[in-house]
Structure formats: structure tokens, C-alpha cells
Amino acid sequence: MSSMRRKKAQVQIGETVGVIMFFTLIMIITLVFIVKQNAGNQEKARVQKVNELLTTLARTIQTMNELRCSKLSTETLGCLDLEKIKAFNDELQHNDFALSYYKNIFGFSKIDVSIVYAYDPVQENNYTIYNVTGNLTDSLYFAMPIQVYDPIAHKNMLGMLEIEYYINR
């Protein structure tokens, strides 16, 4: 009779161990699923945050008095002055204080304006506004059309504001 009880007890212990192992396996699978889901959500949130940053950066560039078009003291939204772009880049190349100031605004990025319509084949059609990339290689790209005014030729042109924002991965 005691061997019968032992076998019954061993079967009950085996059942208990089996149930514990089953629930442990279910919990591990659930935990792995939740961690993967959370990582995917974090990556989506990160990409959305960077996209918002790039959009804000583009708006900032459009509204900067240092670059905006102005005719007879009237400033035009969504328009960049070609001569101001050239002067701005030249100032950043020769003035470390200005470069450090704008580095706080633009971070590690390369910001260009490319003339795509009404360009002059003799003149340069790509202009760099800002270029500080550090040693970073991973970047996100954002482009939007923008009006470019050449005050010397008194000509409006269509350009692309191109932002390449460098990130640490």
C-alpha cells in the first residue's frame, strides 16, 4: 500500500512540476513578445520625434531673418535670399563663435539649397547653408521646396531645401 501511495505522490509531484514548467514557458514567451513590442514602439516614437525635429528645423530655417527674403523692408515667408545664404555660410566658415551658436540650433547636420527651376547653367546651383557632421555617418534626409530669390538678378527661383541630419545609433 505504501508503494501505491508513493507512486501516486510521484505522479502528483510530476503533474505539479509539469504545470509549473508550462506556466513558466507561457510567461517567458509572453515576456519576449512584450519586450519586442515595446522595442518596436520605441523605434516608431524615435522616428516620429526625429521627423518632428526635421520639420521644425526646416521651419526655423525659413523664418530666420539671417536667410529670409526681404524687399523694401518687407519680409517674405517661405523664401530664402541667395546672397544671404552665401554670406551666412561664409560667416560660419570664418567665425567660430557664430558656428558654435548655430551648432546649438542645427546640431550635426548638413543643410543645402539646390536650385531646381530657373537656374543659370553658368552659375553654381547648389548652396550650403550649414555643414557640421562631426564623425557621424548615419543620417536622416528631409527635403522640401522653397522659393529662392536672387537680389542681384532680381529673379525668383524654385529650390529644394535639403536637410541631412546626422544621428548616433
N, C-alpha and C. Protein backbone atom coordinates (compact mmCIF):
# COMPACT_ATOMS: atom_id res chain seq x y z
N MET A 1 0.81 -1.18 0.00
CA MET A 1 0.00 0.00 0.00
C MET A 1 0.87 1.26 0.00
N SER A 2 1.96 1.21 0.70
CA SER A 2 2.80 2.38 0.73
C SER A 2 3.45 2.63 -0.62
N SER A 3 3.76 1.60 -1.40
CA SER A 3 4.32 1.82 -2.74
C SER A 3 3.28 2.44 -3.66
N MET A 4 2.03 2.12 -3.43
CA MET A 4 0.96 2.70 -4.23
C MET A 4 0.84 4.21 -3.93
N ARG A 5 0.96 4.55 -2.64
CA ARG A 5 0.90 5.96 -2.26
C ARG A 5 2.10 6.71 -2.83
N ARG A 6 3.25 6.05 -2.79
CA ARG A 6 4.43 6.68 -3.33
C ARG A 6 4.29 6.98 -4.81
N LYS A 7 3.79 6.02 -5.55
CA LYS A 7 3.59 6.22 -6.99
C LYS A 7 2.59 7.34 -7.23
N LYS A 8 1.53 7.35 -6.42
CA LYS A 8 0.52 8.39 -6.57
C LYS A 8 1.12 9.76 -6.23
N ALA A 9 1.94 9.82 -5.20
CA ALA A 9 2.59 11.06 -4.80
C ALA A 9 3.58 11.51 -5.88
N GLN A 10 4.31 10.55 -6.44
CA GLN A 10 5.26 10.89 -7.50
C GLN A 10 4.52 11.41 -8.73
N VAL A 11 3.40 10.83 -9.06
CA VAL A 11 2.60 11.31 -10.20
C VAL A 11 2.09 12.71 -9.92
N GLN A 12 1.63 12.98 -8.71
CA GLN A 12 1.15 14.31 -8.36
C GLN A 12 2.29 15.34 -8.42
N ILE A 13 3.47 14.96 -7.92
CA ILE A 13 4.62 15.86 -7.99
C ILE A 13 4.98 16.10 -9.45
N GLY A 14 4.96 15.06 -10.26
CA GLY A 14 5.25 15.20 -11.69
C GLY A 14 4.26 16.12 -12.38
N GLU A 15 2.97 15.97 -12.02
CA GLU A 15 1.95 16.85 -12.60
C GLU A 15 2.19 18.31 -12.18
N THR A 16 2.52 18.50 -10.90
CA THR A 16 2.76 19.85 -10.39
C THR A 16 3.96 20.48 -11.10
N VAL A 17 5.04 19.72 -11.23
CA VAL A 17 6.23 20.22 -11.93
C VAL A 17 5.88 20.53 -13.38
N GLY A 18 5.12 19.68 -14.03
CA GLY A 18 4.71 19.92 -15.43
C GLY A 18 3.89 21.19 -15.57
N VAL A 19 2.96 21.41 -14.65
CA VAL A 19 2.12 22.62 -14.69
C VAL A 19 2.99 23.86 -14.47
N ILE A 20 3.92 23.79 -13.51
CA ILE A 20 4.80 24.92 -13.24
C ILE A 20 5.67 25.22 -14.47
N MET A 21 6.21 24.18 -15.10
CA MET A 21 7.04 24.37 -16.30
C MET A 21 6.20 24.97 -17.44
N PHE A 22 4.96 24.52 -17.59
CA PHE A 22 4.08 25.04 -18.65
C PHE A 22 3.82 26.53 -18.43
N PHE A 23 3.46 26.91 -17.21
CA PHE A 23 3.19 28.32 -16.93
C PHE A 23 4.46 29.17 -17.05
N THR A 24 5.60 28.62 -16.65
CA THR A 24 6.86 29.34 -16.80
C THR A 24 7.16 29.58 -18.28
N LEU A 25 6.95 28.56 -19.10
CA LEU A 25 7.16 28.70 -20.55
C LEU A 25 6.21 29.75 -21.14
N ILE A 26 4.97 29.74 -20.74
CA ILE A 26 3.99 30.73 -21.21
C ILE A 26 4.44 32.14 -20.79
N MET A 27 4.91 32.29 -19.56
CA MET A 27 5.34 33.60 -19.09
C MET A 27 6.57 34.08 -19.85
N ILE A 28 7.51 33.19 -20.15
CA ILE A 28 8.71 33.57 -20.91
C ILE A 28 8.32 34.01 -22.30
N ILE A 29 7.45 33.28 -22.96
CA ILE A 29 7.00 33.64 -24.32
C ILE A 29 6.29 35.00 -24.28
N THR A 30 5.45 35.21 -23.30
CA THR A 30 4.74 36.50 -23.16
C THR A 30 5.73 37.63 -22.92
N LEU A 31 6.70 37.40 -22.07
CA LEU A 31 7.71 38.42 -21.78
C LEU A 31 8.51 38.79 -23.03
N VAL A 32 8.92 37.79 -23.80
CA VAL A 32 9.65 38.05 -25.05
C VAL A 32 8.79 38.86 -26.01
N PHE A 33 7.52 38.50 -26.14
CA PHE A 33 6.60 39.22 -27.02
C PHE A 33 6.45 40.68 -26.58
N ILE A 34 6.29 40.91 -25.29
CA ILE A 34 6.13 42.28 -24.77
C ILE A 34 7.38 43.11 -25.00
N VAL A 35 8.55 42.51 -24.78
CA VAL A 35 9.81 43.24 -24.98
C VAL A 35 9.97 43.62 -26.45
N LYS A 36 9.67 42.69 -27.37
CA LYS A 36 9.78 43.01 -28.80
C LYS A 36 8.78 44.09 -29.19
N GLN A 37 7.57 44.00 -28.67
CA GLN A 37 6.54 45.00 -28.96
C GLN A 37 6.99 46.37 -28.47
N ASN A 38 7.54 46.42 -27.27
CA ASN A 38 8.00 47.68 -26.69
C ASN A 38 9.15 48.27 -27.49
N ALA A 39 10.08 47.44 -27.94
CA ALA A 39 11.20 47.92 -28.74
C ALA A 39 10.70 48.51 -30.07
N GLY A 40 9.73 47.88 -30.70
CA GLY A 40 9.15 48.40 -31.93
C GLY A 40 8.47 49.74 -31.70
N ASN A 41 7.75 49.88 -30.60
CA ASN A 41 7.08 51.14 -30.29
C ASN A 41 8.09 52.24 -30.00
N GLN A 42 9.20 51.90 -29.33
CA GLN A 42 10.22 52.89 -29.04
C GLN A 42 10.87 53.38 -30.34
N GLU A 43 11.12 52.48 -31.28
CA GLU A 43 11.72 52.87 -32.56
C GLU A 43 10.76 53.78 -33.35
N LYS A 44 9.46 53.46 -33.34
CA LYS A 44 8.47 54.30 -34.01
C LYS A 44 8.43 55.69 -33.37
N ALA A 45 8.47 55.74 -32.06
CA ALA A 45 8.44 57.03 -31.36
C ALA A 45 9.71 57.83 -31.67
N ARG A 46 10.83 57.15 -31.76
CA ARG A 46 12.10 57.82 -32.08
C ARG A 46 12.07 58.41 -33.48
N VAL A 47 11.58 57.63 -34.44
CA VAL A 47 11.50 58.12 -35.83
C VAL A 47 10.54 59.30 -35.91
N GLN A 48 9.41 59.21 -35.21
CA GLN A 48 8.45 60.31 -35.22
C GLN A 48 9.07 61.57 -34.60
N LYS A 49 9.83 61.40 -33.53
CA LYS A 49 10.47 62.54 -32.89
C LYS A 49 11.49 63.19 -33.82
N VAL A 50 12.26 62.38 -34.53
CA VAL A 50 13.26 62.92 -35.47
C VAL A 50 12.56 63.62 -36.63
N ASN A 51 11.46 63.06 -37.13
CA ASN A 51 10.71 63.72 -38.21
C ASN A 51 10.17 65.08 -37.75
N GLU A 52 9.67 65.13 -36.53
CA GLU A 52 9.21 66.42 -35.99
C GLU A 52 10.37 67.40 -35.87
N LEU A 53 11.52 66.90 -35.46
CA LEU A 53 12.70 67.75 -35.34
C LEU A 53 13.11 68.31 -36.71
N LEU A 54 13.10 67.45 -37.74
CA LEU A 54 13.48 67.90 -39.08
C LEU A 54 12.48 68.93 -39.62
N THR A 55 11.21 68.72 -39.38
CA THR A 55 10.20 69.67 -39.82
C THR A 55 10.37 71.01 -39.10
N THR A 56 10.62 70.96 -37.80
CA THR A 56 10.86 72.18 -37.03
C THR A 56 12.12 72.89 -37.51
N LEU A 57 13.14 72.12 -37.82
CA LEU A 57 14.39 72.69 -38.33
C LEU A 57 14.15 73.40 -39.66
N ALA A 58 13.37 72.78 -40.55
CA ALA A 58 13.06 73.41 -41.83
C ALA A 58 12.28 74.71 -41.63
N ARG A 59 11.32 74.69 -40.71
CA ARG A 59 10.56 75.91 -40.42
C ARG A 59 11.45 76.99 -39.83
N THR A 60 12.38 76.58 -38.98
CA THR A 60 13.30 77.54 -38.37
C THR A 60 14.14 78.22 -39.44
N ILE A 61 14.65 77.44 -40.38
CA ILE A 61 15.46 78.00 -41.46
C ILE A 61 14.65 78.99 -42.28
N GLN A 62 13.40 78.66 -42.58
CA GLN A 62 12.55 79.54 -43.38
C GLN A 62 12.27 80.86 -42.68
N THR A 63 12.25 80.85 -41.36
CA THR A 63 11.87 82.07 -40.64
C THR A 63 13.06 82.85 -40.09
N MET A 64 14.27 82.37 -40.34
CA MET A 64 15.45 83.08 -39.85
C MET A 64 15.65 84.39 -40.61
N ASN A 65 15.75 85.48 -39.88
CA ASN A 65 15.99 86.77 -40.53
C ASN A 65 17.31 86.78 -41.28
N GLU A 66 18.24 85.95 -40.84
CA GLU A 66 19.55 85.89 -41.48
C GLU A 66 19.47 85.35 -42.91
N LEU A 67 18.38 84.64 -43.24
CA LEU A 67 18.27 83.99 -44.54
C LEU A 67 17.03 84.39 -45.34
N ARG A 68 16.04 84.95 -44.69
CA ARG A 68 14.77 85.26 -45.35
C ARG A 68 14.88 86.36 -46.38
N CYS A 69 14.05 86.27 -47.39
CA CYS A 69 13.97 87.31 -48.42
C CYS A 69 13.37 88.58 -47.82
N SER A 70 13.85 89.70 -48.30
CA SER A 70 13.24 90.96 -47.89
C SER A 70 13.38 91.95 -49.04
N LYS A 71 12.27 92.58 -49.36
CA LYS A 71 12.24 93.62 -50.39
C LYS A 71 11.63 94.86 -49.77
N LEU A 72 12.37 95.93 -49.80
CA LEU A 72 11.91 97.20 -49.24
C LEU A 72 11.42 97.02 -47.80
N SER A 73 12.21 96.31 -47.00
CA SER A 73 11.94 96.05 -45.58
C SER A 73 10.72 95.17 -45.35
N THR A 74 10.19 94.55 -46.40
CA THR A 74 9.08 93.61 -46.25
C THR A 74 9.63 92.21 -46.42
N GLU A 75 9.45 91.37 -45.41
CA GLU A 75 9.99 90.03 -45.47
C GLU A 75 8.94 89.05 -46.01
N THR A 76 9.40 88.10 -46.81
CA THR A 76 8.53 87.11 -47.43
C THR A 76 8.72 85.76 -46.77
N LEU A 77 7.63 85.14 -46.36
CA LEU A 77 7.72 83.82 -45.74
C LEU A 77 7.95 82.76 -46.81
N GLY A 78 8.68 81.72 -46.47
CA GLY A 78 8.92 80.62 -47.40
C GLY A 78 9.86 80.98 -48.52
N CYS A 79 10.68 82.00 -48.32
CA CYS A 79 11.61 82.45 -49.35
C CYS A 79 12.97 82.69 -48.72
N LEU A 80 14.01 82.19 -49.37
CA LEU A 80 15.37 82.41 -48.89
C LEU A 80 16.11 83.30 -49.88
N ASP A 81 16.90 84.21 -49.36
CA ASP A 81 17.68 85.14 -50.17
C ASP A 81 19.02 84.50 -50.51
N LEU A 82 19.31 84.40 -51.79
CA LEU A 82 20.53 83.73 -52.25
C LEU A 82 21.79 84.40 -51.71
N GLU A 83 21.83 85.71 -51.71
CA GLU A 83 23.01 86.42 -51.23
C GLU A 83 23.17 86.25 -49.71
N LYS A 84 22.06 86.18 -49.00
CA LYS A 84 22.13 85.96 -47.56
C LYS A 84 22.64 84.55 -47.26
N ILE A 85 22.25 83.59 -48.09
CA ILE A 85 22.74 82.21 -47.92
C ILE A 85 24.25 82.18 -48.07
N LYS A 86 24.75 82.82 -49.12
CA LYS A 86 26.20 82.85 -49.35
C LYS A 86 26.93 83.54 -48.19
N ALA A 87 26.40 84.67 -47.74
CA ALA A 87 27.04 85.42 -46.66
C ALA A 87 26.98 84.64 -45.35
N PHE A 88 25.86 83.96 -45.11
CA PHE A 88 25.69 83.17 -43.89
C PHE A 88 26.73 82.05 -43.83
N ASN A 89 26.87 81.32 -44.91
CA ASN A 89 27.84 80.23 -44.96
C ASN A 89 29.26 80.76 -44.80
N ASP A 90 29.55 81.87 -45.46
CA ASP A 90 30.88 82.46 -45.35
C ASP A 90 31.18 82.87 -43.91
N GLU A 91 30.20 83.44 -43.24
CA GLU A 91 30.37 83.85 -41.84
C GLU A 91 30.63 82.63 -40.95
N LEU A 92 29.89 81.54 -41.17
CA LEU A 92 30.10 80.34 -40.36
C LEU A 92 31.48 79.73 -40.59
N GLN A 93 31.99 79.88 -41.79
CA GLN A 93 33.31 79.32 -42.10
C GLN A 93 34.43 80.10 -41.41
N HIS A 94 34.20 81.37 -41.13
CA HIS A 94 35.27 82.21 -40.59
C HIS A 94 35.05 82.68 -39.15
N ASN A 95 33.92 82.35 -38.56
CA ASN A 95 33.61 82.84 -37.22
C ASN A 95 33.22 81.66 -36.32
N ASP A 96 34.13 81.26 -35.45
CA ASP A 96 33.89 80.11 -34.58
C ASP A 96 32.75 80.36 -33.59
N PHE A 97 32.62 81.60 -33.13
CA PHE A 97 31.53 81.93 -32.20
C PHE A 97 30.18 81.71 -32.88
N ALA A 98 30.03 82.20 -34.11
CA ALA A 98 28.78 82.02 -34.85
C ALA A 98 28.53 80.53 -35.10
N LEU A 99 29.57 79.79 -35.45
CA LEU A 99 29.43 78.36 -35.70
C LEU A 99 28.94 77.64 -34.45
N SER A 100 29.50 77.95 -33.30
CA SER A 100 29.06 77.28 -32.06
C SER A 100 27.63 77.67 -31.71
N TYR A 101 27.25 78.92 -31.99
CA TYR A 101 25.87 79.36 -31.75
C TYR A 101 24.89 78.56 -32.60
N TYR A 102 25.17 78.45 -33.89
CA TYR A 102 24.25 77.75 -34.79
C TYR A 102 24.34 76.23 -34.63
N LYS A 103 25.43 75.74 -34.08
CA LYS A 103 25.53 74.31 -33.79
C LYS A 103 24.51 73.92 -32.73
N ASN A 104 24.23 74.83 -31.79
CA ASN A 104 23.20 74.58 -30.79
C ASN A 104 21.81 74.53 -31.41
N ILE A 105 21.61 75.19 -32.52
CA ILE A 105 20.31 75.21 -33.20
C ILE A 105 20.18 74.05 -34.17
N PHE A 106 21.20 73.86 -35.01
CA PHE A 106 21.12 72.88 -36.10
C PHE A 106 21.72 71.52 -35.75
N GLY A 107 22.52 71.43 -34.70
CA GLY A 107 23.13 70.16 -34.32
C GLY A 107 24.09 69.67 -35.39
N PHE A 108 24.20 68.35 -35.49
CA PHE A 108 25.05 67.75 -36.52
C PHE A 108 24.19 67.55 -37.76
N SER A 109 24.35 68.44 -38.73
CA SER A 109 23.55 68.34 -39.94
C SER A 109 24.25 69.05 -41.10
N LYS A 110 23.72 68.76 -42.27
CA LYS A 110 24.16 69.45 -43.48
C LYS A 110 22.91 70.01 -44.12
N ILE A 111 22.90 71.31 -44.32
CA ILE A 111 21.71 71.98 -44.85
C ILE A 111 22.11 72.67 -46.15
N ASP A 112 21.45 72.28 -47.23
CA ASP A 112 21.75 72.81 -48.56
C ASP A 112 20.48 73.36 -49.21
N VAL A 113 20.70 74.26 -50.16
CA VAL A 113 19.63 74.72 -51.05
C VAL A 113 20.10 74.44 -52.46
N SER A 114 19.28 73.71 -53.20
CA SER A 114 19.58 73.41 -54.60
C SER A 114 18.55 74.09 -55.48
N ILE A 115 19.00 74.84 -56.47
CA ILE A 115 18.09 75.50 -57.41
C ILE A 115 17.64 74.44 -58.42
N VAL A 116 16.32 74.27 -58.55
CA VAL A 116 15.82 73.23 -59.47
C VAL A 116 15.06 73.82 -60.66
N TYR A 117 14.65 75.07 -60.58
CA TYR A 117 13.94 75.69 -61.70
C TYR A 117 14.38 77.14 -61.82
N ALA A 118 14.57 77.58 -63.05
CA ALA A 118 15.04 78.92 -63.38
C ALA A 118 16.49 79.11 -62.93
N TYR A 119 17.23 78.02 -63.00
CA TYR A 119 18.63 78.13 -62.62
C TYR A 119 19.46 78.56 -63.82
N ASP A 120 20.63 79.04 -63.52
CA ASP A 120 21.56 79.52 -64.54
C ASP A 120 22.62 78.44 -64.75
N PRO A 121 22.73 77.87 -65.95
CA PRO A 121 23.70 76.79 -66.16
C PRO A 121 25.15 77.25 -65.98
N VAL A 122 25.40 78.55 -66.04
CA VAL A 122 26.75 79.06 -65.87
C VAL A 122 27.11 79.17 -64.39
N GLN A 123 26.13 79.52 -63.54
CA GLN A 123 26.38 79.72 -62.12
C GLN A 123 26.23 78.41 -61.35
N GLU A 124 26.72 78.46 -60.13
CA GLU A 124 26.54 77.32 -59.22
C GLU A 124 25.07 77.26 -58.83
N ASN A 125 24.54 76.04 -58.69
CA ASN A 125 23.13 75.87 -58.36
C ASN A 125 22.90 75.14 -57.05
N ASN A 126 23.96 74.81 -56.36
CA ASN A 126 23.88 74.16 -55.05
C ASN A 126 24.62 75.03 -54.04
N TYR A 127 23.92 75.38 -52.96
CA TYR A 127 24.49 76.27 -51.96
C TYR A 127 24.35 75.64 -50.58
N THR A 128 25.43 75.63 -49.84
CA THR A 128 25.42 75.08 -48.49
C THR A 128 25.14 76.20 -47.49
N ILE A 129 24.15 75.96 -46.64
CA ILE A 129 23.84 76.91 -45.58
C ILE A 129 24.67 76.57 -44.35
N TYR A 130 24.72 75.29 -44.00
CA TYR A 130 25.36 74.85 -42.77
C TYR A 130 25.88 73.44 -42.98
N ASN A 131 27.08 73.15 -42.46
CA ASN A 131 27.64 71.81 -42.64
C ASN A 131 28.54 71.46 -41.46
N VAL A 132 27.95 70.80 -40.46
CA VAL A 132 28.71 70.26 -39.33
C VAL A 132 28.21 68.83 -39.11
N THR A 133 29.02 67.87 -39.50
CA THR A 133 28.60 66.47 -39.41
C THR A 133 29.33 65.71 -38.32
N GLY A 134 30.39 66.26 -37.75
CA GLY A 134 31.17 65.52 -36.76
C GLY A 134 31.75 64.28 -37.41
N ASN A 135 31.85 63.23 -36.67
CA ASN A 135 32.32 61.96 -37.22
C ASN A 135 31.17 61.00 -37.44
N LEU A 136 29.96 61.50 -37.44
CA LEU A 136 28.78 60.65 -37.58
C LEU A 136 28.54 60.30 -39.05
N THR A 137 28.03 59.09 -39.27
CA THR A 137 27.78 58.65 -40.64
C THR A 137 26.31 58.34 -40.90
N ASP A 138 25.56 57.95 -39.86
CA ASP A 138 24.13 57.65 -40.03
C ASP A 138 23.35 58.95 -40.07
N SER A 139 22.49 59.06 -41.07
CA SER A 139 21.74 60.32 -41.19
C SER A 139 20.33 60.06 -41.69
N LEU A 140 19.49 61.05 -41.47
CA LEU A 140 18.12 61.06 -41.99
C LEU A 140 18.01 62.25 -42.93
N TYR A 141 17.25 62.08 -43.99
CA TYR A 141 17.17 63.09 -45.04
C TYR A 141 15.76 63.67 -45.08
N PHE A 142 15.70 64.98 -45.27
CA PHE A 142 14.42 65.70 -45.38
C PHE A 142 14.59 66.77 -46.44
N ALA A 143 13.62 66.89 -47.33
CA ALA A 143 13.69 67.92 -48.37
C ALA A 143 12.30 68.53 -48.55
N MET A 144 12.31 69.81 -48.90
CA MET A 144 11.05 70.49 -49.19
C MET A 144 11.30 71.62 -50.18
N PRO A 145 10.33 71.91 -51.03
CA PRO A 145 10.51 73.00 -51.99
C PRO A 145 10.47 74.35 -51.28
N ILE A 146 11.23 75.28 -51.84
CA ILE A 146 11.28 76.61 -51.25
C ILE A 146 11.59 77.63 -52.35
N GLN A 147 11.09 78.82 -52.18
CA GLN A 147 11.38 79.89 -53.13
C GLN A 147 12.73 80.49 -52.79
N VAL A 148 13.55 80.72 -53.82
CA VAL A 148 14.86 81.35 -53.63
C VAL A 148 14.88 82.61 -54.48
N TYR A 149 15.26 83.71 -53.86
CA TYR A 149 15.30 84.99 -54.56
C TYR A 149 16.74 85.43 -54.74
N ASP A 150 17.10 85.78 -55.97
CA ASP A 150 18.43 86.32 -56.26
C ASP A 150 18.29 87.84 -56.37
N PRO A 151 18.73 88.60 -55.37
CA PRO A 151 18.54 90.06 -55.38
C PRO A 151 19.41 90.76 -56.42
N ILE A 152 20.48 90.14 -56.86
CA ILE A 152 21.33 90.77 -57.87
C ILE A 152 20.67 90.68 -59.24
N ALA A 153 20.14 89.51 -59.58
CA ALA A 153 19.47 89.33 -60.87
C ALA A 153 18.00 89.69 -60.80
N HIS A 154 17.48 89.99 -59.60
CA HIS A 154 16.05 90.28 -59.39
C HIS A 154 15.21 89.15 -59.97
N LYS A 155 15.53 87.93 -59.54
CA LYS A 155 14.87 86.75 -60.11
C LYS A 155 14.47 85.79 -58.99
N ASN A 156 13.23 85.30 -59.08
CA ASN A 156 12.75 84.26 -58.18
C ASN A 156 13.01 82.90 -58.81
N MET A 157 13.43 81.95 -58.00
CA MET A 157 13.70 80.60 -58.48
C MET A 157 13.08 79.59 -57.52
N LEU A 158 12.87 78.39 -58.02
CA LEU A 158 12.38 77.31 -57.19
C LEU A 158 13.57 76.48 -56.73
N GLY A 159 13.65 76.25 -55.45
CA GLY A 159 14.75 75.47 -54.92
C GLY A 159 14.25 74.37 -54.00
N MET A 160 15.17 73.52 -53.60
CA MET A 160 14.87 72.48 -52.63
C MET A 160 15.74 72.72 -51.40
N LEU A 161 15.08 72.84 -50.28
CA LEU A 161 15.79 72.92 -49.00
C LEU A 161 16.03 71.48 -48.56
N GLU A 162 17.29 71.09 -48.48
CA GLU A 162 17.65 69.71 -48.16
C GLU A 162 18.38 69.67 -46.83
N ILE A 163 17.87 68.86 -45.93
CA ILE A 163 18.46 68.72 -44.60
C ILE A 163 18.87 67.27 -44.42
N GLU A 164 20.13 67.07 -44.12
CA GLU A 164 20.62 65.74 -43.78
C GLU A 164 21.05 65.83 -42.31
N TYR A 165 20.29 65.17 -41.46
CA TYR A 165 20.50 65.25 -40.01
C TYR A 165 21.22 64.00 -39.53
N TYR A 166 22.38 64.17 -38.95
CA TYR A 166 23.23 63.05 -38.53
C TYR A 166 22.88 62.63 -37.11
N ILE A 167 22.80 61.31 -36.90
CA ILE A 167 22.37 60.78 -35.62
C ILE A 167 23.36 59.71 -35.13
N ASN A 168 23.35 59.52 -33.83
CA ASN A 168 24.10 58.43 -33.20
C ASN A 168 23.17 57.25 -33.06
N ARG A 169 23.55 56.12 -33.54
CA ARG A 169 22.71 54.92 -33.37
C ARG A 169 23.24 54.06 -32.30
